[in-house]
Protein backbone atom coordinates (compact mmCIF):
# COMPACT_ATOMS: atom_id res chain seq x y z
CA MET A 1 -14.91 -5.39 21.15
CA LYS A 2 -13.51 -8.86 21.47
CA LYS A 3 -10.14 -9.43 23.17
CA ASP A 4 -7.12 -8.71 21.08
CA CYS A 5 -9.27 -7.34 18.27
CA LEU A 6 -9.48 -3.99 16.62
CA THR A 7 -12.90 -2.84 15.25
CA THR A 8 -12.31 -1.89 11.68
CA PHE A 9 -14.21 0.86 9.69
CA SER A 10 -16.62 -1.73 8.38
CA LYS A 11 -17.27 -2.86 11.95
CA VAL A 12 -15.36 -6.18 11.78
CA ASP A 13 -13.64 -7.53 14.83
CA PHE A 14 -10.07 -8.12 13.50
CA ASN A 15 -7.35 -9.94 15.32
CA THR A 16 -4.00 -9.06 13.80
CA PHE A 17 -2.22 -11.89 15.69
CA GLU A 18 -4.75 -14.47 14.26
CA PRO A 19 -6.00 -12.89 11.04
CA GLU A 20 -8.82 -14.43 9.21
CA GLU A 21 -8.92 -13.79 5.36
CA ASP A 22 -12.63 -13.50 5.22
CA LYS A 23 -12.48 -10.43 7.58
CA ILE A 24 -10.08 -8.50 5.34
CA ARG A 25 -12.03 -5.92 3.41
CA ILE A 26 -10.79 -3.70 0.79
CA GLU A 27 -13.10 -0.99 2.17
CA ASP A 28 -11.24 -1.13 5.44
CA ILE A 29 -7.81 -0.94 3.86
CA ALA A 30 -8.79 2.04 1.56
CA HIS A 31 -10.41 4.02 4.43
CA ALA A 32 -7.56 3.39 6.96
CA LEU A 33 -4.75 4.11 4.64
CA SER A 34 -6.51 7.35 3.45
CA MET A 35 -6.28 8.46 7.08
CA MET A 36 -2.77 7.33 7.93
CA THR A 37 0.08 9.72 7.44
CA ARG A 38 3.42 8.97 5.96
CA ALA A 39 6.70 9.67 7.57
CA ASN A 40 5.03 9.28 11.03
CA GLY A 41 3.63 12.88 10.49
CA HIS A 42 6.92 14.69 10.00
CA PHE A 43 6.15 15.97 6.56
CA PRO A 44 5.32 19.58 6.58
CA GLN A 45 1.80 18.80 5.37
CA PHE A 46 -0.53 15.70 5.45
CA PHE A 47 0.39 13.02 2.91
CA SER A 48 -1.26 9.64 3.34
CA VAL A 49 -0.22 6.12 2.99
CA GLY A 50 -3.10 5.86 0.77
CA GLN A 51 -1.79 8.55 -1.47
CA HIS A 52 1.66 6.79 -1.61
CA CYS A 53 -0.03 3.51 -2.55
CA ILE A 54 -1.98 5.10 -5.34
CA GLN A 55 1.19 6.86 -6.57
CA CYS A 56 2.92 3.42 -6.55
CA CYS A 57 0.23 2.01 -8.55
CA HIS A 58 0.25 4.90 -11.08
CA GLU A 59 4.08 4.32 -11.37
CA ALA A 60 3.55 0.64 -12.11
CA THR A 61 0.96 1.48 -14.85
CA ALA A 62 3.28 4.15 -16.31
CA ARG A 63 5.92 1.55 -16.59
CA ASN A 64 3.39 -0.73 -18.47
CA TYR A 65 3.66 -3.46 -15.84
CA LEU A 66 0.96 -6.04 -15.74
CA PRO A 67 -2.28 -5.19 -13.97
CA GLN A 68 -1.46 -7.73 -11.23
CA THR A 69 1.74 -5.92 -10.53
CA ALA A 70 -0.09 -2.47 -10.34
CA LEU A 71 -2.67 -3.98 -8.07
CA ALA A 72 0.12 -5.44 -5.94
CA CYS A 73 1.65 -1.90 -5.72
CA LEU A 74 -1.79 -0.54 -4.71
CA LEU A 75 -2.04 -3.13 -1.93
CA HIS A 76 1.75 -3.33 -0.97
CA ASP A 77 1.02 -1.38 2.38
CA GLY A 78 -2.38 -3.05 3.02
CA SER A 79 -1.24 -4.65 6.21
CA GLU A 80 -0.62 -1.20 7.74
CA ALA A 81 -4.48 -0.77 7.77
CA TYR A 82 -4.61 -3.43 10.59
CA LEU A 83 -1.25 -2.45 12.18
CA ALA A 84 0.37 0.96 11.63
CA ASP A 85 2.80 2.69 9.44
CA ILE A 86 6.07 2.47 11.24
CA THR A 87 9.06 4.28 9.75
CA ARG A 88 11.70 2.02 8.12
CA PRO A 89 14.55 2.87 10.70
CA VAL A 90 12.38 1.59 13.45
CA LYS A 91 10.51 -1.11 11.74
CA LYS A 92 13.68 -3.01 10.73
CA ASN A 93 14.47 -3.51 14.37
CA MET A 94 10.98 -4.79 15.34
CA THR A 95 11.32 -8.55 14.59
CA MET A 96 7.86 -9.66 15.86
CA TYR A 97 6.18 -6.73 14.06
CA LEU A 98 7.83 -7.74 10.86
CA GLN A 99 6.61 -11.32 11.19
CA ILE A 100 3.04 -10.21 11.82
CA GLU A 101 3.23 -7.71 8.97
CA GLU A 102 4.58 -10.32 6.54
CA GLN A 103 1.84 -12.97 7.46
CA LEU A 104 -0.84 -10.37 7.05
CA GLN A 105 0.41 -8.88 3.92
CA HIS A 106 0.74 -12.24 2.24
CA MET A 107 -2.96 -12.91 3.32
CA ILE A 108 -3.89 -9.62 1.66
CA TYR A 109 -2.07 -10.45 -1.54
CA THR A 110 -3.57 -13.95 -1.72
CA LYS A 111 -7.06 -12.68 -1.07
CA PHE A 112 -7.07 -9.95 -3.73
CA LEU A 113 -4.34 -11.15 -6.14
CA GLY A 114 -4.62 -14.94 -5.74
CA TYR A 115 -0.83 -15.22 -4.89
CA VAL A 116 2.05 -13.52 -3.13
CA PRO A 117 4.36 -11.64 -5.41
CA GLU A 118 7.82 -13.16 -5.36
CA GLY A 119 11.24 -12.99 -7.37
CA GLU A 120 11.19 -10.38 -10.12
CA GLU A 121 7.64 -9.08 -9.44
CA ALA A 122 8.49 -8.56 -5.81
CA GLU A 123 11.62 -6.68 -6.88
CA LEU A 124 9.62 -4.42 -9.17
CA ILE A 125 7.19 -3.58 -6.33
CA THR A 126 10.05 -2.82 -3.91
CA ASN A 127 11.63 -0.69 -6.57
CA ILE A 128 8.59 1.41 -7.10
CA ASP A 129 8.06 1.72 -3.35
CA ASP A 130 11.61 2.85 -2.98
CA SER A 131 11.44 5.37 -5.94
CA CYS A 132 8.25 6.89 -4.45
CA LEU A 133 9.61 7.15 -0.89
CA TYR A 134 12.78 8.92 -2.54
CA TYR A 135 10.58 11.48 -4.32
CA GLU A 136 8.43 12.06 -1.37
CA PHE A 137 11.27 12.89 0.85
CA LEU A 138 12.94 15.05 -1.74
CA HIS A 139 9.66 16.97 -2.25
CA PHE A 140 8.58 17.36 1.32
CA MET A 141 11.92 17.33 3.24
CA ASP A 142 14.43 18.38 0.50
CA GLU A 143 16.37 15.18 1.40
CA LYS A 144 17.83 12.70 -1.00
CA MET A 145 17.25 9.16 0.58
CA TYR A 146 19.70 7.43 -1.79
CA SER A 147 23.00 8.52 -3.46
CA VAL A 148 21.57 7.48 -6.97
CA GLU A 149 18.27 9.24 -7.98
CA PRO A 150 15.75 6.47 -8.87
CA VAL A 151 13.80 6.37 -12.13
CA MET A 152 10.28 7.81 -12.04
CA VAL A 153 8.14 7.53 -15.05
CA SER A 154 4.86 9.00 -13.72
CA ALA A 155 4.23 12.60 -12.53
CA PRO A 156 3.55 12.34 -8.65
CA SER A 157 1.33 14.81 -7.13
CA TYR A 158 2.05 15.87 -3.47
CA GLU A 159 -1.04 18.26 -3.22
CA PHE A 160 -3.06 17.76 -0.13
CA GLN A 161 -6.10 15.40 -0.96
CA PRO A 162 -9.03 15.08 1.25
CA MET A 163 -9.10 11.59 2.91
CA ALA A 164 -12.47 10.67 1.45
CA ASP A 165 -11.10 11.53 -2.16
CA VAL A 166 -8.11 9.33 -1.51
CA GLU A 167 -10.36 6.53 -0.27
CA LYS A 168 -12.64 6.79 -3.30
CA GLU A 169 -9.64 6.82 -5.70
CA PHE A 170 -8.10 3.83 -3.94
CA LEU A 171 -11.22 1.72 -4.20
CA SER A 172 -11.76 2.91 -8.01
CA LEU A 173 -8.26 1.88 -8.85
CA PHE A 174 -8.74 -1.33 -7.17
CA GLU A 175 -11.94 -2.19 -9.17
CA GLU A 176 -10.43 -0.99 -12.45
CA LEU A 177 -7.41 -3.31 -11.96
CA LYS A 178 -9.48 -6.27 -10.89
CA GLU A 179 -11.66 -5.76 -14.08
CA LYS A 180 -8.49 -5.62 -16.23
CA ILE A 181 -7.19 -8.90 -14.67
CA ARG A 182 -10.55 -10.55 -15.20
CA GLU A 183 -10.61 -9.42 -18.84
CA GLU A 184 -7.01 -10.85 -19.27
CA GLU A 185 -7.87 -14.17 -17.73
CA SER A 186 -11.03 -14.58 -19.87
CA LYS A 187 -8.88 -14.23 -22.96
CA LYS A 188 -6.57 -17.10 -22.03
């Protein structure tokens, strides 16, 4: 292993402080997020970051958002595959982590979407992320994260899913959305 690098699932030496776009692999993201727990492991059963990202993607699709936005929802926590899932109350106080996370997340969006979501699209993604978070905490902890219940169009599942199944579904959704985007672009 090289200095300051982590060895990814696909055996890439990855430096999170000096990330290289060509070393970002969707297989590494899907695998790591399927193995990473939400809420820092405090839910009463295992629920992965990968499951959360898949749910965000399904919600974007249920809301009839563009395939690019659904793909952005699938990828919105991609940087955590190379860093970690840190809970919001802690993360907001970690300035350097937030800078590294933003740089890496922008690189992931650029590699797989061709751009970084901004403006209204970024707000749509945040809204879905927050809605999914709300219902995860309501389901697992019987806790309402916000005073106003957010809209949820899809029917989320909180059943335990084997990590390999989550990884496979993540990759399948990624390929489906990339194909829809290619088809859209070829019609232009």
